[in-house]
C-alpha atoms as a PDB file:
ATOM      1  CA  MET A   1      59.542 126.168  39.648  1.00  0.00           C
ATOM      2  CA  LYS A   2      60.427 128.198  42.738  1.00  0.00           C
ATOM      3  CA  THR A   3      63.278 127.072  44.956  1.00  0.00           C
ATOM      4  CA  PRO A   4      61.694 125.005  47.756  1.00  0.00           C
ATOM      5  CA  LYS A   5      62.017 126.233  51.330  1.00  0.00           C
ATOM      6  CA  LYS A   6      60.203 123.404  53.130  1.00  0.00           C
ATOM      7  CA  ILE A   7      60.440 119.795  51.976  1.00  0.00           C
ATOM      8  CA  ALA A   8      58.522 116.733  53.157  1.00  0.00           C
ATOM      9  CA  VAL A   9      59.794 113.148  52.997  1.00  0.00           C
ATOM     10  CA  LEU A  10      57.841 109.882  53.199  1.00  0.00           C
ATOM     11  CA  THR A  11      58.307 106.139  52.710  1.00  0.00           C
ATOM     12  CA  SER A  12      55.713 104.028  50.943  1.00  0.00           C
ATOM     13  CA  GLY A  13      55.133 100.434  49.878  1.00  0.00           C
ATOM     14  CA  GLY A  14      57.136  97.510  51.230  1.00  0.00           C
ATOM     15  CA  ASP A  15      59.880  98.422  53.671  1.00  0.00           C
ATOM     16  CA  ALA A  16      63.504  97.920  52.631  1.00  0.00           C
ATOM     17  CA  PRO A  17      66.772  98.036  54.601  1.00  0.00           C
ATOM     18  CA  GLY A  18      68.374 101.424  53.996  1.00  0.00           C
ATOM     19  CA  MET A  19      65.183 103.473  53.956  1.00  0.00           C
ATOM     20  CA  ASN A  20      66.167 105.048  57.280  1.00  0.00           C
ATOM     21  CA  ALA A  21      69.565 105.922  55.841  1.00  0.00           C
ATOM     22  CA  ALA A  22      67.836 107.614  52.901  1.00  0.00           C
ATOM     23  CA  ILE A  23      65.541 109.601  55.219  1.00  0.00           C
ATOM     24  CA  ARG A  24      68.579 110.654  57.235  1.00  0.00           C
ATOM     25  CA  ALA A  25      70.373 111.847  54.108  1.00  0.00           C
ATOM     26  CA  VAL A  26      67.343 113.839  52.937  1.00  0.00           C
ATOM     27  CA  VAL A  27      66.912 115.514  56.330  1.00  0.00           C
ATOM     28  CA  ARG A  28      70.579 116.363  56.771  1.00  0.00           C
ATOM     29  CA  SER A  29      70.883 117.586  53.202  1.00  0.00           C
ATOM     30  CA  CYS A  30      67.970 119.924  53.932  1.00  0.00           C
ATOM     31  CA  ALA A  31      69.752 121.132  57.070  1.00  0.00           C
ATOM     32  CA  TYR A  32      72.936 121.689  55.069  1.00  0.00           C
ATOM     33  CA  HIS A  33      71.037 123.913  52.619  1.00  0.00           C
ATOM     34  CA  ASN A  34      69.096 125.696  55.402  1.00  0.00           C
ATOM     35  CA  LEU A  35      65.784 124.165  54.335  1.00  0.00           C
ATOM     36  CA  GLU A  36      63.010 123.015  56.644  1.00  0.00           C
ATOM     37  CA  CYS A  37      62.191 119.317  56.544  1.00  0.00           C
ATOM     38  CA  VAL A  38      59.031 117.479  57.579  1.00  0.00           C
ATOM     39  CA  GLY A  39      58.557 113.744  57.965  1.00  0.00           C
ATOM     40  CA  VAL A  40      55.261 112.217  56.822  1.00  0.00           C
ATOM     41  CA  TYR A  41      54.236 109.148  58.804  1.00  0.00           C
ATOM     42  CA  ARG A  42      52.600 106.129  57.092  1.00  0.00           C
ATOM     43  CA  GLY A  43      53.280 107.154  53.517  1.00  0.00           C
ATOM     44  CA  PHE A  44      50.516 108.584  51.342  1.00  0.00           C
ATOM     45  CA  GLN A  45      47.922 107.779  53.982  1.00  0.00           C
ATOM     46  CA  GLY A  46      49.751 110.042  56.410  1.00  0.00           C
ATOM     47  CA  LEU A  47      49.831 112.697  53.712  1.00  0.00           C
ATOM     48  CA  ILE A  48      46.037 112.548  53.527  1.00  0.00           C
ATOM     49  CA  GLU A  49      45.611 112.567  57.309  1.00  0.00           C
ATOM     50  CA  GLY A  50      48.188 115.294  57.892  1.00  0.00           C
ATOM     51  CA  ASP A  51      50.406 113.082  60.049  1.00  0.00           C
ATOM     52  CA  PHE A  52      53.490 115.322  59.889  1.00  0.00           C
ATOM     53  CA  LYS A  53      56.467 115.868  62.180  1.00  0.00           C
ATOM     54  CA  GLU A  54      59.300 118.348  61.843  1.00  0.00           C
ATOM     55  CA  LEU A  55      62.696 116.733  61.415  1.00  0.00           C
ATOM     56  CA  ASN A  56      66.206 118.082  61.833  1.00  0.00           C
ATOM     57  CA  ALA A  57      69.764 116.807  61.794  1.00  0.00           C
ATOM     58  CA  ARG A  58      69.504 115.553  65.373  1.00  0.00           C
ATOM     59  CA  THR A  59      66.118 113.808  65.105  1.00  0.00           C
ATOM     60  CA  VAL A  60      67.599 111.376  62.585  1.00  0.00           C
ATOM     61  CA  LYS A  61      70.658 110.398  64.601  1.00  0.00           C
ATOM     62  CA  ASN A  62      71.399 106.701  65.173  1.00  0.00           C
ATOM     63  CA  ILE A  63      69.063 105.461  62.424  1.00  0.00           C
ATOM     64  CA  ILE A  64      71.532 104.781  59.602  1.00  0.00           C
ATOM     65  CA  ASN A  65      72.095 101.261  60.960  1.00  0.00           C
ATOM     66  CA  ARG A  66      68.418 100.412  61.491  1.00  0.00           C
ATOM     67  CA  GLY A  67      66.321  98.371  59.069  1.00  0.00           C
ATOM     68  CA  GLY A  68      62.735  99.212  58.170  1.00  0.00           C
ATOM     69  CA  THR A  69      61.529 102.807  58.214  1.00  0.00           C
ATOM     70  CA  PHE A  70      60.947 104.877  61.323  1.00  0.00           C
ATOM     71  CA  LEU A  71      58.445 106.976  59.345  1.00  0.00           C
ATOM     72  CA  LYS A  72      56.385 103.784  58.885  1.00  0.00           C
ATOM     73  CA  SER A  73      54.752 102.667  55.666  1.00  0.00           C
ATOM     74  CA  ALA A  74      51.171 101.875  54.693  1.00  0.00           C
ATOM     75  CA  ARG A  75      49.056 101.015  51.686  1.00  0.00           C
ATOM     76  CA  SER A  76      46.621 103.828  50.920  1.00  0.00           C
ATOM     77  CA  LYS A  77      43.420 103.118  49.038  1.00  0.00           C
ATOM     78  CA  ASP A  78      42.354 106.725  49.642  1.00  0.00           C
ATOM     79  CA  PHE A  79      45.324 108.039  47.651  1.00  0.00           C
ATOM     80  CA  LEU A  80      44.052 106.127  44.623  1.00  0.00           C
ATOM     81  CA  THR A  81      41.120 108.541  44.497  1.00  0.00           C
ATOM     82  CA  LEU A  82      41.219 112.135  43.279  1.00  0.00           C
ATOM     83  CA  GLU A  83      39.460 113.190  46.478  1.00  0.00           C
ATOM     84  CA  GLY A  84      42.204 111.612  48.583  1.00  0.00           C
ATOM     85  CA  ARG A  85      44.999 113.214  46.586  1.00  0.00           C
ATOM     86  CA  LYS A  86      43.213 116.567  46.805  1.00  0.00           C
ATOM     87  CA  LYS A  87      43.150 116.294  50.602  1.00  0.00           C
ATOM     88  CA  ALA A  88      46.865 115.455  50.595  1.00  0.00           C
ATOM     89  CA  PHE A  89      47.596 118.544  48.500  1.00  0.00           C
ATOM     90  CA  GLU A  90      45.569 120.755  50.844  1.00  0.00           C
ATOM     91  CA  ASN A  91      47.523 119.424  53.832  1.00  0.00           C
ATOM     92  CA  LEU A  92      50.818 120.208  52.123  1.00  0.00           C
ATOM     93  CA  GLN A  93      49.607 123.732  51.344  1.00  0.00           C
ATOM     94  CA  ASN A  94      48.412 124.291  54.919  1.00  0.00           C
ATOM     95  CA  GLU A  95      51.876 123.361  56.200  1.00  0.00           C
ATOM     96  CA  ASN A  96      53.593 125.561  53.591  1.00  0.00           C
ATOM     97  CA  ILE A  97      55.399 122.524  52.215  1.00  0.00           C
ATOM     98  CA  ASN A  98      56.477 123.141  48.631  1.00  0.00           C
ATOM     99  CA  ALA A  99      58.287 119.941  47.607  1.00  0.00           C
ATOM    100  CA  LEU A 100      58.145 116.229  48.406  1.00  0.00           C
ATOM    101  CA  VAL A 101      60.615 113.332  48.432  1.00  0.00           C
ATOM    102  CA  VAL A 102      59.082 109.846  48.195  1.00  0.00           C
ATOM    103  CA  ILE A 103      61.027 106.658  48.941  1.00  0.00           C
ATOM    104  CA  GLY A 104      59.571 103.423  47.578  1.00  0.00           C
ATOM    105  CA  GLY A 105      58.989 101.271  44.511  1.00  0.00           C
ATOM    106  CA  ASP A 106      57.045 101.465  41.260  1.00  0.00           C
ATOM    107  CA  GLY A 107      53.640 101.733  42.960  1.00  0.00           C
ATOM    108  CA  THR A 108      54.926 104.651  45.025  1.00  0.00           C
ATOM    109  CA  PHE A 109      56.291 106.372  41.924  1.00  0.00           C
ATOM    110  CA  ALA A 110      53.060 105.841  39.989  1.00  0.00           C
ATOM    111  CA  GLY A 111      51.085 107.591  42.735  1.00  0.00           C
ATOM    112  CA  ALA A 112      53.671 110.337  43.067  1.00  0.00           C
ATOM    113  CA  SER A 113      53.721 110.942  39.314  1.00  0.00           C
ATOM    114  CA  ALA A 114      49.943 111.312  39.147  1.00  0.00           C
ATOM    115  CA  PHE A 115      50.000 113.695  42.115  1.00  0.00           C
ATOM    116  CA  ALA A 116      52.813 115.822  40.644  1.00  0.00           C
ATOM    117  CA  GLU A 117      50.993 116.237  37.345  1.00  0.00           C
ATOM    118  CA  GLU A 118      47.548 116.901  38.819  1.00  0.00           C
ATOM    119  CA  PHE A 119      48.667 119.596  41.241  1.00  0.00           C
ATOM    120  CA  ASN A 120      51.879 120.820  39.586  1.00  0.00           C
ATOM    121  CA  PHE A 121      53.699 119.860  42.773  1.00  0.00           C
ATOM    122  CA  PRO A 122      57.479 119.221  42.807  1.00  0.00           C
ATOM    123  CA  ILE A 123      58.232 115.581  43.676  1.00  0.00           C
ATOM    124  CA  VAL A 124      61.419 113.528  43.477  1.00  0.00           C
ATOM    125  CA  GLY A 125      61.590 109.779  44.113  1.00  0.00           C
ATOM    126  CA  ILE A 126      64.231 107.514  45.647  1.00  0.00           C
ATOM    127  CA  PRO A 127      64.065 103.794  44.740  1.00  0.00           C
ATOM    128  CA  GLY A 128      63.665 101.711  47.895  1.00  0.00           C
ATOM    129  CA  THR A 129      62.704  98.079  47.241  1.00  0.00           C
ATOM    130  CA  ILE A 130      64.464  94.767  47.811  1.00  0.00           C
ATOM    131  CA  ASP A 131      63.295  93.458  44.408  1.00  0.00           C
ATOM    132  CA  ASN A 132      65.615  95.700  42.340  1.00  0.00           C
ATOM    133  CA  ASP A 133      62.860  95.917  39.726  1.00  0.00           C
ATOM    134  CA  ILE A 134      62.960  99.650  38.934  1.00  0.00           C
ATOM    135  CA  ASN A 135      64.092 100.943  35.550  1.00  0.00           C
ATOM    136  CA  GLY A 136      66.631 103.750  35.380  1.00  0.00           C
ATOM    137  CA  THR A 137      68.838 102.581  38.239  1.00  0.00           C
ATOM    138  CA  ASP A 138      71.331  99.747  38.498  1.00  0.00           C
ATOM    139  CA  TYR A 139      70.455  99.104  42.138  1.00  0.00           C
ATOM    140  CA  THR A 140      67.627  99.927  44.524  1.00  0.00           C
ATOM    141  CA  ILE A 141      67.998 100.551  48.236  1.00  0.00           C
ATOM    142  CA  GLY A 142      67.605  97.315  50.213  1.00  0.00           C
ATOM    143  CA  TYR A 143      68.505  94.925  47.406  1.00  0.00           C
ATOM    144  CA  ASP A 144      72.089  94.284  48.514  1.00  0.00           C
ATOM    145  CA  THR A 145      71.034  93.625  52.113  1.00  0.00           C
ATOM    146  CA  ALA A 146      68.288  91.241  51.014  1.00  0.00           C
ATOM    147  CA  LEU A 147      70.793  89.334  48.858  1.00  0.00           C
ATOM    148  CA  ASN A 148      73.180  88.919  51.773  1.00  0.00           C
ATOM    149  CA  THR A 149      70.333  87.766  54.024  1.00  0.00           C
ATOM    150  CA  VAL A 150      69.269  85.143  51.482  1.00  0.00           C
ATOM    151  CA  VAL A 151      72.801  83.875  50.870  1.00  0.00           C
ATOM    152  CA  GLU A 152      73.439  83.555  54.602  1.00  0.00           C
ATOM    153  CA  ALA A 153      70.201  81.592  55.026  1.00  0.00           C
ATOM    154  CA  ILE A 154      70.980  79.260  52.120  1.00  0.00           C
ATOM    155  CA  ASP A 155      74.485  78.628  53.479  1.00  0.00           C
ATOM    156  CA  LYS A 156      72.887  77.389  56.697  1.00  0.00           C
ATOM    157  CA  ILE A 157      70.307  75.305  54.844  1.00  0.00           C
ATOM    158  CA  ARG A 158      73.082  73.659  52.840  1.00  0.00           C
ATOM    159  CA  ASP A 159      74.670  72.371  56.051  1.00  0.00           C
ATOM    160  CA  THR A 160      71.489  70.406  56.746  1.00  0.00           C
ATOM    161  CA  ALA A 161      71.099  69.352  53.104  1.00  0.00           C
ATOM    162  CA  ASN A 162      74.619  67.887  53.129  1.00  0.00           C
ATOM    163  CA  SER A 163      74.115  66.179  56.456  1.00  0.00           C
ATOM    164  CA  HIS A 164      70.978  64.345  55.333  1.00  0.00           C
ATOM    165  CA  ASN A 165      71.513  64.037  51.559  1.00  0.00           C
ATOM    166  CA  ARG A 166      68.405  66.101  50.868  1.00  0.00           C
ATOM    167  CA  LEU A 167      67.104  68.349  48.113  1.00  0.00           C
ATOM    168  CA  PHE A 168      65.994  71.734  49.437  1.00  0.00           C
ATOM    169  CA  LEU A 169      63.696  74.098  47.565  1.00  0.00           C
ATOM    170  CA  VAL A 170      64.258  77.607  48.926  1.00  0.00           C
ATOM    171  CA  GLU A 171      61.658  80.233  48.002  1.00  0.00           C
ATOM    172  CA  VAL A 172      62.793  83.849  47.912  1.00  0.00           C
ATOM    173  CA  MET A 173      60.882  87.061  47.227  1.00  0.00           C
ATOM    174  CA  GLY A 174      60.383  88.206  43.666  1.00  0.00           C
ATOM    175  CA  ARG A 175      56.828  87.935  42.388  1.00  0.00           C
ATOM    176  CA  ASP A 176      57.622  89.659  39.105  1.00  0.00           C
ATOM    177  CA  ALA A 177      61.416  89.883  39.147  1.00  0.00           C
ATOM    178  CA  GLY A 178      64.052  87.193  39.564  1.00  0.00           C
ATOM    179  CA  ASP A 179      67.034  89.357  40.539  1.00  0.00           C
ATOM    180  CA  ILE A 180      67.166  88.113  44.130  1.00  0.00           C
ATOM    181  CA  ALA A 181      66.830  84.459  43.141  1.00  0.00           C
ATOM    182  CA  LEU A 182      69.384  84.681  40.323  1.00  0.00           C
ATOM    183  CA  ASN A 183      72.092  86.556  42.208  1.00  0.00           C
ATOM    184  CA  ALA A 184      71.605  84.793  45.528  1.00  0.00           C
ATOM    185  CA  GLY A 185      71.463  81.450  43.736  1.00  0.00           C
ATOM    186  CA  ILE A 186      74.832  82.080  42.103  1.00  0.00           C
ATOM    187  CA  GLY A 187      76.302  83.424  45.337  1.00  0.00           C
ATOM    188  CA  ALA A 188      75.125  80.441  47.359  1.00  0.00           C
ATOM    189  CA  GLY A 189      76.071  77.849  44.751  1.00  0.00           C
ATOM    190  CA  ALA A 190      72.552  76.627  43.958  1.00  0.00           C
ATOM    191  CA  GLU A 191      72.144  73.733  41.555  1.00  0.00           C
ATOM    192  CA  GLU A 192      69.119  75.316  39.877  1.00  0.00           C
ATOM    193  CA  ILE A 193      67.521  78.762  39.919  1.00  0.00           C
ATOM    194  CA  LEU A 194      63.880  79.272  38.944  1.00  0.00           C
ATOM    195  CA  ILE A 195      62.801  82.798  38.032  1.00  0.00           C
ATOM    196  CA  PRO A 196      59.612  84.348  36.563  1.00  0.00           C
ATOM    197  CA  GLU A 197      61.461  85.681  33.511  1.00  0.00           C
ATOM    198  CA  GLN A 198      62.205  82.134  32.321  1.00  0.00           C
ATOM    199  CA  ASN A 199      59.867  79.154  32.358  1.00  0.00           C
ATOM    200  CA  MET A 200      62.292  76.279  32.766  1.00  0.00           C
ATOM    201  CA  GLY A 201      59.581  73.635  32.677  1.00  0.00           C
ATOM    202  CA  LYS A 202      59.137  70.663  34.986  1.00  0.00           C
ATOM    203  CA  GLU A 203      60.727  68.113  32.680  1.00  0.00           C
ATOM    204  CA  ARG A 204      63.916  70.101  32.225  1.00  0.00           C
ATOM    205  CA  LEU A 205      64.138  70.596  35.988  1.00  0.00           C
ATOM    206  CA  LEU A 206      63.798  66.846  36.546  1.00  0.00           C
ATOM    207  CA  GLU A 207      66.483  66.162  33.945  1.00  0.00           C
ATOM    208  CA  SER A 208      68.846  68.619  35.606  1.00  0.00           C
ATOM    209  CA  LEU A 209      68.308  67.166  39.080  1.00  0.00           C
ATOM    210  CA  SER A 210      68.727  63.645  37.735  1.00  0.00           C
ATOM    211  CA  ARG A 211      72.047  64.596  36.101  1.00  0.00           C
ATOM    212  CA  SER A 212      73.201  66.155  39.377  1.00  0.00           C
ATOM    213  CA  LYS A 213      72.459  62.926  41.207  1.00  0.00           C
ATOM    214  CA  LYS A 214      74.287  60.808  38.622  1.00  0.00           C
ATOM    215  CA  SER A 215      77.302  63.127  38.700  1.00  0.00           C
ATOM    216  CA  GLY A 216      77.810  62.342  42.372  1.00  0.00           C
ATOM    217  CA  LYS A 217      75.986  65.157  44.118  1.00  0.00           C
ATOM    218  CA  THR A 218      74.437  63.869  47.339  1.00  0.00           C
ATOM    219  CA  SER A 219      72.424  67.021  48.072  1.00  0.00           C
ATOM    220  CA  SER A 220      71.077  69.951  46.081  1.00  0.00           C
ATOM    221  CA  ILE A 221      69.716  73.449  46.567  1.00  0.00           C
ATOM    222  CA  VAL A 222      67.127  74.891  44.186  1.00  0.00           C
ATOM    223  CA  VAL A 223      66.377  78.592  44.623  1.00  0.00           C
ATOM    224  CA  VAL A 224      62.828  79.453  43.564  1.00  0.00           C
ATOM    225  CA  SER A 225      61.556  82.990  43.020  1.00  0.00           C
ATOM    226  CA  GLU A 226      58.005  83.287  44.367  1.00  0.00           C
ATOM    227  CA  GLY A 227      56.821  84.341  40.906  1.00  0.00           C
ATOM    228  CA  ASP A 228      58.298  81.324  39.115  1.00  0.00           C
ATOM    229  CA  GLN A 229      55.978  79.830  36.501  1.00  0.00           C
ATOM    230  CA  ILE A 230      56.662  76.085  36.867  1.00  0.00           C
ATOM    231  CA  GLY A 231      54.022  75.202  39.469  1.00  0.00           C
ATOM    232  CA  LYS A 232      51.140  76.753  41.350  1.00  0.00           C
ATOM    233  CA  ASN A 233      53.385  77.018  44.390  1.00  0.00           C
ATOM    234  CA  ILE A 234      56.635  75.668  45.766  1.00  0.00           C
ATOM    235  CA  PHE A 235      54.914  72.898  47.760  1.00  0.00           C
ATOM    236  CA  GLU A 236      53.236  71.541  44.631  1.00  0.00           C
ATOM    237  CA  LEU A 237      56.628  71.592  42.924  1.00  0.00           C
ATOM    238  CA  ALA A 238      58.218  69.674  45.803  1.00  0.00           C
ATOM    239  CA  LYS A 239      55.502  67.018  45.599  1.00  0.00           C
ATOM    240  CA  TYR A 240      56.007  66.679  41.840  1.00  0.00           C
ATOM    241  CA  ILE A 241      59.755  66.151  42.262  1.00  0.00           C
ATOM    242  CA  GLU A 242      59.275  63.527  44.969  1.00  0.00           C
ATOM    243  CA  GLU A 243      56.761  61.644  42.808  1.00  0.00           C
ATOM    244  CA  ASN A 244      59.067  61.576  39.782  1.00  0.00           C
ATOM    245  CA  LEU A 245      62.520  61.345  41.385  1.00  0.00           C
ATOM    246  CA  LYS A 246      62.184  58.773  44.143  1.00  0.00           C
ATOM    247  CA  GLU A 247      65.869  59.067  45.025  1.00  0.00           C
ATOM    248  CA  TYR A 248      65.340  62.588  46.376  1.00  0.00           C
ATOM    249  CA  GLU A 249      64.066  63.484  49.836  1.00  0.00           C
ATOM    250  CA  VAL A 250      62.679  66.983  49.327  1.00  0.00           C
ATOM    251  CA  ARG A 251      62.292  69.765  51.893  1.00  0.00           C
ATOM    252  CA  VAL A 252      60.868  73.270  51.413  1.00  0.00           C
ATOM    253  CA  THR A 253      61.981  76.504  53.065  1.00  0.00           C
ATOM    254  CA  VAL A 254      60.110  79.762  52.443  1.00  0.00           C
ATOM    255  CA  LEU A 255      62.290  82.651  53.599  1.00  0.00           C
ATOM    256  CA  GLY A 256      59.431  85.181  53.432  1.00  0.00           C
ATOM    257  CA  HIS A 257      59.708  88.524  55.176  1.00  0.00           C
ATOM    258  CA  ILE A 258      63.007  87.712  56.846  1.00  0.00           C
ATOM    259  CA  GLN A 259      64.455  89.071  53.591  1.00  0.00           C
ATOM    260  CA  ARG A 260      63.092  92.547  54.301  1.00  0.00           C
ATOM    261  CA  GLY A 261      64.493  92.957  57.793  1.00  0.00           C
ATOM    262  CA  GLY A 262      67.846  93.488  59.419  1.00  0.00           C
ATOM    263  CA  ALA A 263      70.469  96.193  59.484  1.00  0.00           C
ATOM    264  CA  PRO A 264      71.319  97.508  56.002  1.00  0.00           C
ATOM    265  CA  SER A 265      74.631  96.531  54.447  1.00  0.00           C
ATOM    266  CA  CYS A 266      77.379  99.104  54.016  1.00  0.00           C
ATOM    267  CA  TYR A 267      76.554  99.288  50.311  1.00  0.00           C
ATOM    268  CA  ASP A 268      72.889 100.071  50.993  1.00  0.00           C
ATOM    269  CA  ARG A 269      73.809 102.714  53.578  1.00  0.00           C
ATOM    270  CA  VAL A 270      76.150 104.456  51.136  1.00  0.00           C
ATOM    271  CA  LEU A 271      73.696 104.136  48.237  1.00  0.00           C
ATOM    272  CA  ALA A 272      70.845 105.531  50.349  1.00  0.00           C
ATOM    273  CA  SER A 273      73.025 108.427  51.474  1.00  0.00           C
ATOM    274  CA  ARG A 274      74.026 109.292  47.915  1.00  0.00           C
ATOM    275  CA  LEU A 275      70.465 109.120  46.596  1.00  0.00           C
ATOM    276  CA  GLY A 276      69.092 111.127  49.527  1.00  0.00           C
ATOM    277  CA  VAL A 277      71.531 113.945  48.872  1.00  0.00           C
ATOM    278  CA  GLY A 278      70.858 113.614  45.144  1.00  0.00           C
ATOM    279  CA  ALA A 279      67.115 114.051  45.704  1.00  0.00           C
ATOM    280  CA  ILE A 280      67.575 117.414  47.409  1.00  0.00           C
ATOM    281  CA  ASP A 281      70.110 118.497  44.786  1.00  0.00           C
ATOM    282  CA  ALA A 282      67.548 117.675  42.091  1.00  0.00           C
ATOM    283  CA  LEU A 283      64.793 119.698  43.760  1.00  0.00           C
ATOM    284  CA  LEU A 284      67.121 122.670  44.242  1.00  0.00           C
ATOM    285  CA  GLY A 285      68.094 122.341  40.583  1.00  0.00           C
ATOM    286  CA  GLY A 286      64.468 122.662  39.495  1.00  0.00           C
ATOM    287  CA  GLU A 287      63.819 119.005  38.671  1.00  0.00           C
ATOM    288  CA  THR A 288      60.485 117.363  39.411  1.00  0.00           C
ATOM    289  CA  ASN A 289      58.561 114.194  38.581  1.00  0.00           C
ATOM    290  CA  VAL A 290      61.849 112.275  38.440  1.00  0.00           C
ATOM    291  CA  MET A 291      63.529 109.413  40.274  1.00  0.00           C
ATOM    292  CA  ILE A 292      67.111 109.616  41.472  1.00  0.00           C
ATOM    293  CA  GLY A 293      69.042 106.470  40.616  1.00  0.00           C
ATOM    294  CA  ILE A 294      72.539 105.086  40.232  1.00  0.00           C
ATOM    295  CA  VAL A 295      73.887 104.113  36.793  1.00  0.00           C
ATOM    296  CA  HIS A 296      77.501 102.987  36.334  1.00  0.00           C
ATOM    297  CA  ASN A 297      78.128 104.261  39.879  1.00  0.00           C
ATOM    298  CA  LYS A 298      76.997 107.781  38.975  1.00  0.00           C
ATOM    299  CA  VAL A 299      73.945 109.436  40.546  1.00  0.00           C
ATOM    300  CA  THR A 300      71.455 110.312  37.834  1.00  0.00           C
ATOM    301  CA  SER A 301      67.781 111.156  37.357  1.00  0.00           C
ATOM    302  CA  VAL A 302      65.098 109.682  35.114  1.00  0.00           C
ATOM    303  CA  PRO A 303      61.424 110.618  34.658  1.00  0.00           C
ATOM    304  CA  PHE A 304      58.945 108.623  36.748  1.00  0.00           C
ATOM    305  CA  SER A 305      57.396 107.430  33.484  1.00  0.00           C
ATOM    306  CA  GLU A 306      60.693 105.751  32.582  1.00  0.00           C
ATOM    307  CA  ALA A 307      61.219 104.276  36.050  1.00  0.00           C
ATOM    308  CA  ILE A 308      57.793 102.606  36.216  1.00  0.00           C
ATOM    309  CA  LYS A 309      57.446 101.405  32.630  1.00  0.00           C
ATOM    310  CA  GLY A 310      57.923  97.788  33.723  1.00  0.00           C
ATOM    311  CA  ASN A 311      59.640  94.880  31.963  1.00  0.00           C
ATOM    312  CA  ASN A 312      62.938  95.280  33.807  1.00  0.00           C
ATOM    313  CA  GLU A 313      65.179  92.884  31.892  1.00  0.00           C
ATOM    314  CA  ILE A 314      67.047  90.065  33.616  1.00  0.00           C
ATOM    315  CA  ASP A 315      70.801  89.842  33.061  1.00  0.00           C
ATOM    316  CA  GLU A 316      71.300  87.114  30.437  1.00  0.00           C
ATOM    317  CA  GLU A 317      75.008  86.918  31.210  1.00  0.00           C
ATOM    318  CA  LEU A 318      74.210  85.978  34.805  1.00  0.00           C
ATOM    319  CA  ILE A 319      71.864  83.228  33.593  1.00  0.00           C
ATOM    320  CA  ARG A 320      74.698  81.831  31.475  1.00  0.00           C
ATOM    321  CA  VAL A 321      77.084  81.983  34.445  1.00  0.00           C
ATOM    322  CA  ALA A 322      74.553  80.138  36.615  1.00  0.00           C
ATOM    323  CA  ASP A 323      74.173  77.383  33.995  1.00  0.00           C
ATOM    324  CA  ILE A 324      77.922  76.876  33.678  1.00  0.00           C
ATOM    325  CA  ILE A 325      78.944  76.826  37.332  1.00  0.00           C
ATOM    326  CA  SER A 326      76.060  74.635  38.538  1.00  0.00           C
ATOM    327  CA  ILE A 327      77.302  71.642  36.547  1.00  0.00           C
END
């Protein structure tokens, strides 16, 4: 692999706080090493349409504190086809771009991996997703900010729950991973936490809520990951609880996309900066088809195949902690 002289960067998939900080780090690391850098707008779709813009150290000023991604993001059905990926490769060749940094989640890495292998093109990934569901890294960019957003929201909901002696079901993001629900639930002092990795069952939930009531609790918070397996949806679950525990007045709050927005936390800004620099270091070191992650607070790299293998395991110790302190 030849040392790259011109590197492109794009963001793909769901936006996450800290993506702008990662872009900034990639661009300024390129400037530091006297490399040209190009931003690709709207992810892989922009790669196919040739929506490129030259970036330098000054064009990325004042973005480290901004949520979202100024390069935009988009789902690309065209990139799923060989014809679409071929067009993307031709655009990169026409612009004399010889390496690519992609910021996103497992879907982004799957597309990038296929592209790298088909066209022997150097690509390095940076994990940017609030779900924290990528293998090979302890944390993904945006996860810490999303946690803080959820905890702040639940703290406010608890004020109302206490004032009216109500049970609140709070749905958080996490269709396939319960990291947000588990950690935010512990941080916000939730009475129960429902995650997709564990099927608690309706009866056990009712027993737990009944015990809470008998122990003297006048209000409760249950954090529900959107991928939880107990009911079809959180509203059906609320109805079931009301029908079987008449003493509870149940309310539902779905936090939704509020979890994706907002200024990134200090941790996410630092993490994004470290991984952005690490991505350029990896490309200059001849690495490709890898993701740059953080393990035991050390920047590392793992093959895309390892990062996207799925089945990211939930922390059993945290589940035990949640069970003990919710008594």
